[in-house]
Amino acid sequence: PNISLQASNPGQFENDSDVLWQRGPAPETIAYHGRVGINTDTPDEALVVCGNATVMGRVMHPSDSRAKQNIREVDTNEQLRRITQMRLVEYDYKPEFASVMGIKDT
């Protein structure tokens, strides 16, 4: 795989003893064991993208039906009973979060 990195301080990447990027187990893959931030210096999740992202392909999510098997109907009455036990809430985003994320209607 081809990876291109550009840093404002290239010297910060000169320490070869702290190599976090590795070839992945499958062909054409790489692995990074840590947090990755795009347009942020302080990612607090595995991947944080501050800005728009364009995906040329598919995005798989654990709730995607392509990742599941043995999908079957359930007892509707039992599920409705369970839903009545859920705690439902309304909320507003904190202004500082909304402004960073570009959310207009908080």
Protein backbone atom coordinates (compact mmCIF):
# COMPACT_ATOMS: atom_id res chain seq x y z
CA PRO A 1 0.00 0.00 0.00
CA ASN A 2 1.09 3.57 -0.60
CA ILE A 3 0.91 6.02 2.29
CA SER A 4 1.84 9.65 2.08
CA LEU A 5 2.36 11.70 5.25
CA GLN A 6 3.33 15.33 5.51
CA ALA A 7 4.18 16.89 8.84
CA SER A 8 4.77 20.47 9.87
CA ASN A 9 7.68 19.17 11.94
CA PRO A 10 9.21 16.26 10.00
CA GLY A 11 11.71 15.64 12.82
CA GLN A 12 8.94 14.27 15.00
CA PHE A 13 8.77 11.15 12.79
CA GLU A 14 12.49 10.36 12.82
CA ASN A 15 12.42 7.94 15.78
CA ASP A 16 12.38 4.51 14.09
CA SER A 17 12.25 2.68 17.44
CA ASP A 18 8.64 3.80 17.93
CA VAL A 19 7.15 2.37 14.73
CA LEU A 20 3.36 2.13 15.02
CA TRP A 21 2.45 1.65 11.35
CA GLN A 22 2.83 -1.98 10.23
CA ARG A 23 1.88 -4.14 7.29
CA GLY A 24 -1.54 -5.65 7.92
CA PRO A 25 -2.23 -9.38 8.03
CA ALA A 26 -4.10 -9.28 4.71
CA PRO A 27 -2.58 -8.19 1.39
CA GLU A 28 -2.75 -4.47 0.62
CA THR A 29 -3.45 -3.50 4.25
CA ILE A 30 -1.66 -1.56 6.95
CA ALA A 31 -2.23 -1.46 10.70
CA TYR A 32 -1.76 1.34 13.18
CA HIS A 33 -2.03 0.60 16.88
CA GLY A 34 -3.13 3.89 18.35
CA ARG A 35 -5.42 6.82 17.68
CA VAL A 36 -5.51 8.64 14.34
CA GLY A 37 -6.64 12.25 14.01
CA ILE A 38 -7.34 14.10 10.78
CA ASN A 39 -7.43 17.88 11.26
CA THR A 40 -6.99 17.39 15.01
CA ASP A 41 -3.98 16.91 17.26
CA THR A 42 -6.02 15.27 20.03
CA PRO A 43 -8.04 12.31 18.76
CA ASP A 44 -10.03 10.73 21.59
CA GLU A 45 -11.24 7.73 19.57
CA ALA A 46 -9.57 5.24 17.23
CA LEU A 47 -10.26 7.61 14.28
CA VAL A 48 -11.38 11.22 14.54
CA VAL A 49 -12.04 13.23 11.38
CA CYS A 50 -12.69 16.93 11.91
CA GLY A 51 -14.20 17.96 8.60
CA ASN A 52 -15.97 16.29 5.74
CA ALA A 53 -15.02 12.81 4.56
CA THR A 54 -15.54 11.34 1.11
CA VAL A 55 -15.77 7.58 0.82
CA MET A 56 -15.07 5.92 -2.51
CA GLY A 57 -16.59 2.56 -1.71
CA ARG A 58 -18.74 1.04 0.99
CA VAL A 59 -18.77 1.73 4.71
CA MET A 60 -19.50 -1.32 6.82
CA HIS A 61 -21.08 -0.86 10.22
CA PRO A 62 -21.92 -3.53 12.82
CA SER A 63 -25.63 -2.93 12.17
CA ASP A 64 -25.18 -3.48 8.42
CA SER A 65 -27.20 -6.51 7.22
CA ARG A 66 -24.20 -7.61 5.12
CA ALA A 67 -22.37 -8.39 8.38
CA LYS A 68 -25.15 -10.57 9.85
CA GLN A 69 -26.57 -14.04 9.48
CA ASN A 70 -29.52 -15.95 10.96
CA ILE A 71 -31.78 -12.87 10.75
CA ARG A 72 -35.27 -13.81 11.93
CA GLU A 73 -38.53 -12.24 13.09
CA VAL A 74 -39.07 -11.72 16.83
CA ASP A 75 -42.14 -11.67 19.10
CA THR A 76 -43.49 -8.14 18.59
CA ASN A 77 -45.44 -8.06 21.87
CA GLU A 78 -42.36 -9.03 23.87
CA GLN A 79 -40.25 -6.38 22.13
CA LEU A 80 -42.88 -3.67 22.74
CA ARG A 81 -42.95 -4.65 26.44
CA ARG A 82 -39.18 -4.26 26.56
CA ILE A 83 -39.33 -0.87 24.81
CA THR A 84 -41.72 0.46 27.48
CA GLN A 85 -38.97 -0.21 30.04
CA MET A 86 -36.44 1.96 28.18
CA ARG A 87 -35.42 5.39 29.46
CA LEU A 88 -36.21 7.92 26.73
CA VAL A 89 -34.58 11.37 26.82
CA GLU A 90 -34.36 14.62 24.88
CA TYR A 91 -31.18 16.69 24.84
CA ASP A 92 -29.39 19.69 23.38
CA TYR A 93 -25.79 19.56 22.24
CA LYS A 94 -23.37 21.66 24.26
CA PRO A 95 -22.62 24.86 22.28
CA GLU A 96 -18.86 24.21 22.18
CA PHE A 97 -19.43 20.73 20.70
CA ALA A 98 -22.04 21.95 18.22
CA SER A 99 -19.80 24.73 16.91
CA VAL A 100 -16.79 22.42 16.42
CA MET A 101 -18.93 19.79 14.66
CA GLY A 102 -20.77 22.34 12.49
CA ILE A 103 -24.18 21.51 14.02
CA LYS A 104 -26.57 24.42 13.55
CA ASP A 105 -29.72 23.05 15.25
CA THR A 106 -28.60 21.93 18.69
